N, C-alpha and C. Protein backbone atom coordinates (compact mmCIF):
# COMPACT_ATOMS: atom_id res chain seq x y z
N MET A 1 -14.68 4.25 33.13
CA MET A 1 -15.58 4.41 32.52
C MET A 1 -16.21 4.92 31.54
N ASP A 2 -16.89 4.31 30.65
CA ASP A 2 -16.42 5.29 28.95
C ASP A 2 -18.14 5.27 29.02
N THR A 3 -18.82 6.64 28.90
CA THR A 3 -19.71 7.02 28.94
C THR A 3 -20.42 7.50 28.23
N ASP A 4 -19.29 7.42 27.00
CA ASP A 4 -19.69 7.86 25.41
C ASP A 4 -21.19 7.20 24.69
N PRO A 5 -22.34 7.86 24.39
CA PRO A 5 -23.51 7.20 23.85
C PRO A 5 -23.19 7.01 22.15
N ARG A 6 -22.16 7.50 21.84
CA ARG A 6 -21.93 7.73 20.08
C ARG A 6 -21.20 6.32 19.81
N PRO A 7 -21.82 5.25 18.99
CA PRO A 7 -20.93 4.09 18.43
C PRO A 7 -19.29 4.48 18.01
N GLU A 8 -18.95 3.45 17.98
CA GLU A 8 -17.81 3.34 17.73
C GLU A 8 -17.68 3.65 15.75
N PRO A 9 -17.18 4.37 15.63
CA PRO A 9 -17.18 4.30 13.66
C PRO A 9 -16.75 3.32 13.24
N LEU A 10 -16.73 3.05 11.64
CA LEU A 10 -16.64 2.26 10.81
C LEU A 10 -15.33 1.95 10.00
N SER A 11 -15.06 2.09 9.60
CA SER A 11 -13.64 2.16 8.32
C SER A 11 -14.04 1.82 7.01
N CYS A 12 -14.16 2.49 5.81
CA CYS A 12 -14.75 1.92 4.27
C CYS A 12 -13.67 1.31 4.49
N GLU A 13 -13.68 -0.15 3.10
CA GLU A 13 -13.27 -1.01 3.03
C GLU A 13 -12.47 -0.68 2.16
N GLU A 14 -12.66 0.56 1.28
CA GLU A 14 -12.03 0.98 -0.23
C GLU A 14 -11.10 1.64 0.59
N CYS A 15 -11.55 2.86 0.75
CA CYS A 15 -10.71 3.89 1.52
C CYS A 15 -10.19 4.40 2.75
N ARG A 16 -10.83 3.24 3.30
CA ARG A 16 -10.36 3.56 5.06
C ARG A 16 -10.85 5.13 5.91
N ALA A 17 -11.73 5.61 5.37
CA ALA A 17 -12.09 6.89 5.67
C ALA A 17 -12.95 6.12 7.05
N GLU A 18 -12.78 7.10 8.17
CA GLU A 18 -14.41 6.51 9.07
C GLU A 18 -15.36 6.83 8.96
N ILE A 19 -16.34 5.73 8.74
CA ILE A 19 -17.63 6.67 8.76
C ILE A 19 -18.61 6.89 10.18
N PRO A 20 -19.88 7.06 10.10
CA PRO A 20 -21.03 6.54 11.50
C PRO A 20 -21.31 5.65 10.77
N ARG A 21 -21.59 4.32 11.70
CA ARG A 21 -22.55 2.97 11.39
C ARG A 21 -23.61 3.63 10.73
N ASP A 22 -24.26 4.60 10.88
CA ASP A 22 -25.76 4.80 10.15
C ASP A 22 -25.52 4.70 8.73
N GLU A 23 -24.45 6.09 8.74
CA GLU A 23 -24.48 6.31 7.15
C GLU A 23 -23.57 5.42 6.14
N ALA A 24 -23.38 4.10 6.67
CA ALA A 24 -22.39 2.67 6.12
C ALA A 24 -23.35 2.54 4.92
N VAL A 25 -22.65 2.00 4.03
CA VAL A 25 -23.06 1.70 2.62
C VAL A 25 -22.59 -0.07 3.16
N VAL A 26 -23.69 -1.01 2.99
CA VAL A 26 -23.43 -2.26 3.50
C VAL A 26 -23.38 -3.61 2.53
N SER A 27 -22.41 -4.22 1.95
CA SER A 27 -22.27 -5.22 1.56
C SER A 27 -22.50 -7.08 2.21
N GLU A 28 -23.19 -7.57 1.80
CA GLU A 28 -22.89 -9.02 2.48
C GLU A 28 -22.75 -9.79 2.42
N GLY A 29 -21.94 -10.81 2.70
CA GLY A 29 -21.72 -11.86 2.25
C GLY A 29 -22.10 -13.10 2.99
N GLN A 30 -21.97 -13.79 2.50
CA GLN A 30 -22.21 -15.40 3.67
C GLN A 30 -21.70 -15.38 5.47
N ASP A 31 -20.60 -15.52 5.11
CA ASP A 31 -19.77 -14.94 6.33
C ASP A 31 -19.09 -13.65 7.07
N TYR A 32 -19.35 -12.69 5.72
CA TYR A 32 -19.00 -11.54 6.63
C TYR A 32 -19.85 -10.17 6.12
N VAL A 33 -19.78 -9.54 6.58
CA VAL A 33 -20.36 -7.54 6.46
C VAL A 33 -18.92 -6.75 6.09
N MET A 34 -19.17 -6.37 5.38
CA MET A 34 -17.92 -5.18 4.89
C MET A 34 -18.96 -3.87 4.96
N TYR A 35 -18.15 -2.29 5.26
CA TYR A 35 -19.14 -1.02 5.76
C TYR A 35 -18.24 -0.18 4.34
N PHE A 36 -19.00 0.46 3.72
CA PHE A 36 -18.03 1.33 3.01
C PHE A 36 -18.89 2.82 2.75
N CYS A 37 -18.05 3.67 2.43
CA CYS A 37 -18.36 5.30 2.76
C CYS A 37 -19.38 5.91 1.77
N SER A 38 -19.93 5.37 0.64
CA SER A 38 -20.22 5.37 -0.81
C SER A 38 -21.03 4.19 -1.68
N PRO A 39 -21.26 4.72 -2.61
CA PRO A 39 -22.05 3.54 -3.27
C PRO A 39 -20.06 3.54 -4.41
N ALA A 40 -19.62 4.49 -4.39
CA ALA A 40 -18.71 4.82 -5.25
C ALA A 40 -17.58 3.75 -5.17
N CYS A 41 -17.05 3.87 -3.44
CA CYS A 41 -16.24 3.15 -2.71
C CYS A 41 -16.31 1.92 -3.05
N HIS A 42 -18.09 1.42 -2.98
CA HIS A 42 -18.06 0.04 -3.30
C HIS A 42 -18.07 -0.59 -4.45
N ALA A 43 -18.38 0.50 -5.32
CA ALA A 43 -18.12 0.08 -6.64
C ALA A 43 -16.98 -0.52 -7.40
N ALA A 44 -15.78 0.69 -6.46
CA ALA A 44 -14.30 0.68 -6.90
C ALA A 44 -13.61 -0.73 -6.22
N TRP A 45 -14.48 -0.98 -4.66
CA TRP A 45 -13.68 -2.42 -4.12
C TRP A 45 -14.01 -3.45 -5.42
N ARG A 46 -15.61 -3.82 -5.57
CA ARG A 46 -15.83 -4.75 -5.98
C ARG A 46 -14.89 -4.95 -7.81
N ALA A 47 -14.95 -3.72 -8.12
CA ALA A 47 -14.12 -3.79 -9.50
C ALA A 47 -12.74 -4.31 -9.19
N ALA A 48 -12.19 -3.82 -8.08
CA ALA A 48 -10.86 -3.88 -7.97
C ALA A 48 -10.73 -5.59 -7.78
N HIS A 49 -11.66 -6.33 -6.76
CA HIS A 49 -11.20 -7.88 -6.24
C HIS A 49 -12.66 -8.32 -7.38
N ASP A 50 -13.09 -8.28 -8.61
CA ASP A 50 -13.59 -8.83 -9.60
C ASP A 50 -14.77 -9.80 -9.08
N GLU A 51 -15.56 -8.58 -7.95
CA GLU A 51 -17.09 -9.02 -7.46
C GLU A 51 -18.26 -8.76 -8.17
N PRO A 52 -18.74 -10.04 -8.51
CA PRO A 52 -20.18 -9.81 -8.92
C PRO A 52 -21.45 -8.98 -8.15
N LEU A 53 -21.83 -8.09 -8.50
CA LEU A 53 -23.27 -7.73 -7.79
C LEU A 53 -24.07 -8.71 -7.03
N ALA A 54 -24.42 -8.42 -5.72
CA ALA A 54 -25.30 -9.60 -4.63
C ALA A 54 -26.58 -9.65 -5.65
N THR A 55 -26.51 -8.59 -6.70
CA THR A 55 -28.16 -8.89 -6.68
C THR A 55 -28.60 -9.43 -8.27
N THR A 56 -27.43 -9.92 -8.61
CA THR A 56 -27.69 -10.82 -9.63
C THR A 56 -28.15 -12.25 -9.66
N HIS A 57 -29.13 -12.70 -10.12
CA HIS A 57 -29.97 -13.51 -10.34
C HIS A 57 -30.45 -14.41 -11.26
N ASP A 58 -30.23 -15.76 -11.29
CA ASP A 58 -30.66 -16.21 -12.44
C ASP A 58 -31.95 -16.62 -12.53
N HIS A 59 -32.77 -16.02 -13.80
CA HIS A 59 -34.29 -15.86 -13.98
C HIS A 59 -34.44 -16.94 -15.14
N ARG A 60 -33.33 -17.99 -15.20
CA ARG A 60 -34.15 -19.31 -16.16
C ARG A 60 -35.20 -19.80 -15.44
N ARG A 61 -36.30 -20.17 -16.18
CA ARG A 61 -37.78 -20.91 -16.20
C ARG A 61 -37.30 -22.20 -15.78
N ARG A 62 -37.58 -22.80 -14.57
CA ARG A 62 -37.32 -24.07 -14.48
C ARG A 62 -38.38 -24.82 -15.14
N PRO A 63 -38.42 -26.45 -15.38
CA PRO A 63 -39.50 -26.81 -16.03
C PRO A 63 -40.08 -27.73 -14.98
N ARG A 64 -41.10 -27.81 -15.29
CA ARG A 64 -42.44 -27.91 -14.21
C ARG A 64 -42.78 -29.84 -14.73
């Protein structure tokens, strides 16, 4: 029986470093969640995969 109360560590999607779940930088898509050890690894992954920032929004005015 496993009595270790600590959660299993996650792996950074970019550098594969093990990171505690509560310290991970999270990038969420519609069907998946990825974990990164730092904003720098997240940016490097995003640049390598040509992924735009998730916070980019189209702010054009809608006609009334």
